[in-house]
């Protein structure tokens, strides 16, 4: 039969290893950013040619990772 001290030590080692490995696996699985914008198109109405029109699109990161927006293009 296994000594109770050896069993307790084995359980401690297993729980320490599990506490180090499981959070890393959970973080890696859900660490990607997820770009989200509610309004993909906007009706700006009538406007004169050559006039600058400003509109703010609200973007949201629905993921766990850091979102980096490196460039934006119309159309």
N, C-alpha and C. Protein backbone atom coordinates (compact mmCIF):
# COMPACT_ATOMS: atom_id res chain seq x y z
N UNK A 1 0.82 -1.19 0.00
CA UNK A 1 0.00 0.00 0.00
C UNK A 1 0.86 1.25 0.00
N UNK A 2 0.31 2.26 -0.62
CA UNK A 2 1.04 3.51 -0.72
C UNK A 2 0.94 4.28 0.60
N UNK A 3 2.03 4.84 1.00
CA UNK A 3 2.08 5.65 2.22
C UNK A 3 1.21 6.89 2.02
N UNK A 4 0.47 7.30 3.04
CA UNK A 4 -0.42 8.46 2.97
C UNK A 4 0.35 9.74 2.69
N UNK A 5 1.60 9.83 3.20
CA UNK A 5 2.41 11.02 2.94
C UNK A 5 2.81 11.11 1.47
N UNK A 6 3.12 9.97 0.87
CA UNK A 6 3.47 9.96 -0.55
C UNK A 6 2.27 10.33 -1.41
N UNK A 7 1.10 9.84 -1.04
CA UNK A 7 -0.12 10.17 -1.76
C UNK A 7 -0.43 11.66 -1.64
N UNK A 8 -0.29 12.22 -0.45
CA UNK A 8 -0.53 13.65 -0.24
C UNK A 8 0.46 14.49 -1.04
N UNK A 9 1.72 14.08 -1.05
CA UNK A 9 2.74 14.81 -1.81
C UNK A 9 2.44 14.75 -3.30
N UNK A 10 2.01 13.59 -3.77
CA UNK A 10 1.67 13.44 -5.19
C UNK A 10 0.49 14.33 -5.56
N UNK A 11 -0.51 14.41 -4.69
CA UNK A 11 -1.67 15.27 -4.95
C UNK A 11 -1.27 16.75 -4.97
N UNK A 12 -0.36 17.14 -4.09
CA UNK A 12 0.11 18.53 -4.06
C UNK A 12 0.84 18.86 -5.37
N UNK A 13 1.70 17.96 -5.81
CA UNK A 13 2.45 18.20 -7.05
C UNK A 13 1.49 18.28 -8.24
N UNK A 14 0.51 17.39 -8.30
CA UNK A 14 -0.45 17.40 -9.40
C UNK A 14 -1.27 18.68 -9.39
N UNK A 15 -1.70 19.14 -8.23
CA UNK A 15 -2.49 20.37 -8.16
C UNK A 15 -1.67 21.60 -8.53
N UNK A 16 -0.40 21.62 -8.17
CA UNK A 16 0.47 22.74 -8.56
C UNK A 16 0.66 22.76 -10.07
N UNK A 17 0.93 21.60 -10.66
CA UNK A 17 1.09 21.54 -12.12
C UNK A 17 -0.20 21.93 -12.83
N UNK A 18 -1.33 21.48 -12.34
CA UNK A 18 -2.62 21.82 -12.97
C UNK A 18 -2.88 23.32 -12.87
N UNK A 19 -2.52 23.93 -11.75
CA UNK A 19 -2.76 25.37 -11.59
C UNK A 19 -1.87 26.19 -12.51
N UNK A 20 -0.74 25.65 -12.95
CA UNK A 20 0.14 26.36 -13.88
C UNK A 20 -0.27 26.13 -15.33
N UNK A 21 -0.73 24.95 -15.67
CA UNK A 21 -1.01 24.59 -17.05
C UNK A 21 -2.40 25.02 -17.49
N UNK A 22 -3.41 24.82 -16.68
CA UNK A 22 -4.79 25.11 -17.08
C UNK A 22 -5.05 26.59 -17.37
N UNK A 23 -4.62 27.53 -16.55
CA UNK A 23 -4.86 28.93 -16.91
C UNK A 23 -4.18 29.33 -18.21
N UNK A 24 -3.00 28.81 -18.48
CA UNK A 24 -2.32 29.12 -19.74
C UNK A 24 -3.10 28.58 -20.93
N UNK A 25 -3.67 27.40 -20.80
CA UNK A 25 -4.46 26.81 -21.89
C UNK A 25 -5.74 27.60 -22.10
N UNK A 26 -6.39 28.02 -21.04
CA UNK A 26 -7.62 28.81 -21.17
C UNK A 26 -7.32 30.16 -21.79
N UNK A 27 -6.23 30.81 -21.37
CA UNK A 27 -5.85 32.11 -21.91
C UNK A 27 -5.52 31.99 -23.40
N UNK A 28 -4.79 30.98 -23.79
CA UNK A 28 -4.41 30.81 -25.19
C UNK A 28 -5.62 30.55 -26.07
N UNK A 29 -6.62 29.86 -25.56
CA UNK A 29 -7.79 29.54 -26.36
C UNK A 29 -8.62 30.78 -26.66
N UNK A 30 -8.69 31.73 -25.76
CA UNK A 30 -9.54 32.90 -25.96
C UNK A 30 -8.77 34.20 -25.99
N UNK A 31 -7.55 34.19 -26.48
CA UNK A 31 -6.72 35.39 -26.41
C UNK A 31 -6.74 36.22 -27.68
N UNK A 32 -7.51 35.84 -28.69
CA UNK A 32 -7.55 36.60 -29.93
C UNK A 32 -8.47 37.81 -29.79
N UNK A 33 -8.13 38.93 -30.46
CA UNK A 33 -9.05 40.05 -30.49
C UNK A 33 -10.21 39.74 -31.43
N UNK A 34 -11.33 40.40 -31.25
CA UNK A 34 -12.50 40.21 -32.12
C UNK A 34 -13.08 41.59 -32.45
N UNK A 35 -12.74 42.10 -33.63
CA UNK A 35 -13.19 43.42 -34.09
C UNK A 35 -14.70 43.40 -34.31
N UNK A 36 -15.41 44.40 -33.79
CA UNK A 36 -16.85 44.50 -33.99
C UNK A 36 -17.22 45.95 -34.23
N UNK A 37 -18.02 46.20 -35.27
CA UNK A 37 -18.59 47.53 -35.51
C UNK A 37 -20.07 47.33 -35.83
N UNK A 38 -20.93 48.04 -35.10
CA UNK A 38 -22.37 47.85 -35.26
C UNK A 38 -22.85 48.40 -36.60
N UNK A 39 -22.45 49.61 -36.94
CA UNK A 39 -22.89 50.25 -38.19
C UNK A 39 -21.82 50.06 -39.25
N UNK A 40 -22.07 49.16 -40.19
CA UNK A 40 -21.10 48.91 -41.25
C UNK A 40 -21.24 49.91 -42.40
N UNK A 41 -22.43 50.49 -42.57
CA UNK A 41 -22.67 51.54 -43.57
C UNK A 41 -23.48 52.65 -42.92
N UNK A 42 -23.32 53.88 -43.48
CA UNK A 42 -24.02 55.04 -42.94
C UNK A 42 -24.56 55.86 -44.10
N UNK A 43 -25.81 56.28 -44.00
CA UNK A 43 -26.39 57.18 -45.00
C UNK A 43 -26.08 58.61 -44.57
N UNK A 44 -25.23 59.28 -45.33
CA UNK A 44 -24.82 60.64 -44.99
C UNK A 44 -25.73 61.69 -45.62
N UNK A 45 -26.73 61.27 -46.36
CA UNK A 45 -27.66 62.21 -46.96
C UNK A 45 -27.03 62.93 -48.14
N UNK A 46 -27.55 64.11 -48.46
CA UNK A 46 -27.03 64.93 -49.57
C UNK A 46 -25.89 65.81 -49.08
N UNK A 47 -24.89 65.97 -49.92
CA UNK A 47 -23.77 66.84 -49.56
C UNK A 47 -23.12 67.35 -50.84
N UNK A 48 -22.40 68.45 -50.72
CA UNK A 48 -21.74 69.07 -51.87
C UNK A 48 -20.38 68.41 -52.12
N UNK A 49 -20.03 68.30 -53.40
CA UNK A 49 -18.74 67.74 -53.75
C UNK A 49 -17.63 68.63 -53.22
N UNK A 50 -16.60 68.01 -52.70
CA UNK A 50 -15.46 68.76 -52.18
C UNK A 50 -15.60 69.14 -50.71
N UNK A 51 -16.73 68.87 -50.12
CA UNK A 51 -16.94 69.18 -48.71
C UNK A 51 -16.56 67.96 -47.88
N UNK A 52 -15.74 68.18 -46.87
CA UNK A 52 -15.36 67.08 -45.99
C UNK A 52 -16.53 66.72 -45.08
N UNK A 53 -16.76 65.44 -44.96
CA UNK A 53 -17.81 64.95 -44.08
C UNK A 53 -17.15 64.04 -43.05
N UNK A 54 -17.48 64.27 -41.81
CA UNK A 54 -16.90 63.47 -40.74
C UNK A 54 -17.99 62.60 -40.11
N UNK A 55 -17.62 61.38 -39.81
CA UNK A 55 -18.50 60.47 -39.08
C UNK A 55 -17.64 59.55 -38.24
N UNK A 56 -18.01 59.38 -37.02
CA UNK A 56 -17.25 58.50 -36.13
C UNK A 56 -17.91 57.12 -36.08
N UNK A 57 -17.17 56.11 -36.53
CA UNK A 57 -17.62 54.72 -36.37
C UNK A 57 -17.14 54.25 -35.01
N UNK A 58 -18.02 53.67 -34.25
CA UNK A 58 -17.64 53.14 -32.94
C UNK A 58 -17.28 51.67 -33.12
N UNK A 59 -16.07 51.34 -32.74
CA UNK A 59 -15.61 49.96 -32.84
C UNK A 59 -15.42 49.40 -31.43
N UNK A 60 -15.51 48.09 -31.35
CA UNK A 60 -15.42 47.43 -30.06
C UNK A 60 -14.61 46.15 -30.21
N UNK A 61 -13.84 45.84 -29.23
CA UNK A 61 -13.10 44.60 -29.19
C UNK A 61 -13.88 43.62 -28.33
N UNK A 62 -14.49 42.61 -28.97
CA UNK A 62 -15.25 41.61 -28.24
C UNK A 62 -14.41 40.40 -27.85
N UNK A 63 -13.12 40.47 -28.11
CA UNK A 63 -12.23 39.36 -27.77
C UNK A 63 -11.43 39.66 -26.52
N UNK A 64 -10.58 38.73 -26.18
CA UNK A 64 -9.76 38.88 -24.97
C UNK A 64 -8.41 39.51 -25.28
N UNK A 65 -7.93 39.37 -26.53
CA UNK A 65 -6.62 39.91 -26.89
C UNK A 65 -6.68 41.39 -27.21
N UNK A 66 -5.52 42.01 -27.26
CA UNK A 66 -5.42 43.43 -27.56
C UNK A 66 -5.65 43.65 -29.05
N UNK A 67 -6.53 44.59 -29.39
CA UNK A 67 -6.88 44.89 -30.77
C UNK A 67 -6.03 46.05 -31.27
N UNK A 68 -5.35 45.85 -32.41
CA UNK A 68 -4.54 46.89 -33.03
C UNK A 68 -5.15 47.22 -34.39
N UNK A 69 -5.61 48.46 -34.59
CA UNK A 69 -6.14 48.90 -35.88
C UNK A 69 -4.99 49.64 -36.56
N UNK A 70 -4.44 49.02 -37.61
CA UNK A 70 -3.25 49.56 -38.26
C UNK A 70 -3.57 50.46 -39.44
N UNK A 71 -4.71 50.24 -40.11
CA UNK A 71 -5.09 51.09 -41.23
C UNK A 71 -6.59 50.99 -41.44
N UNK A 72 -7.12 52.04 -42.09
CA UNK A 72 -8.55 52.09 -42.40
C UNK A 72 -8.70 52.60 -43.81
N UNK A 73 -9.58 51.96 -44.61
CA UNK A 73 -9.81 52.36 -45.99
C UNK A 73 -11.32 52.50 -46.23
N UNK A 74 -11.72 53.48 -47.02
CA UNK A 74 -13.15 53.58 -47.37
C UNK A 74 -13.54 52.50 -48.37
N UNK A 75 -14.83 52.17 -48.37
CA UNK A 75 -15.38 51.29 -49.40
C UNK A 75 -15.18 49.88 -49.18
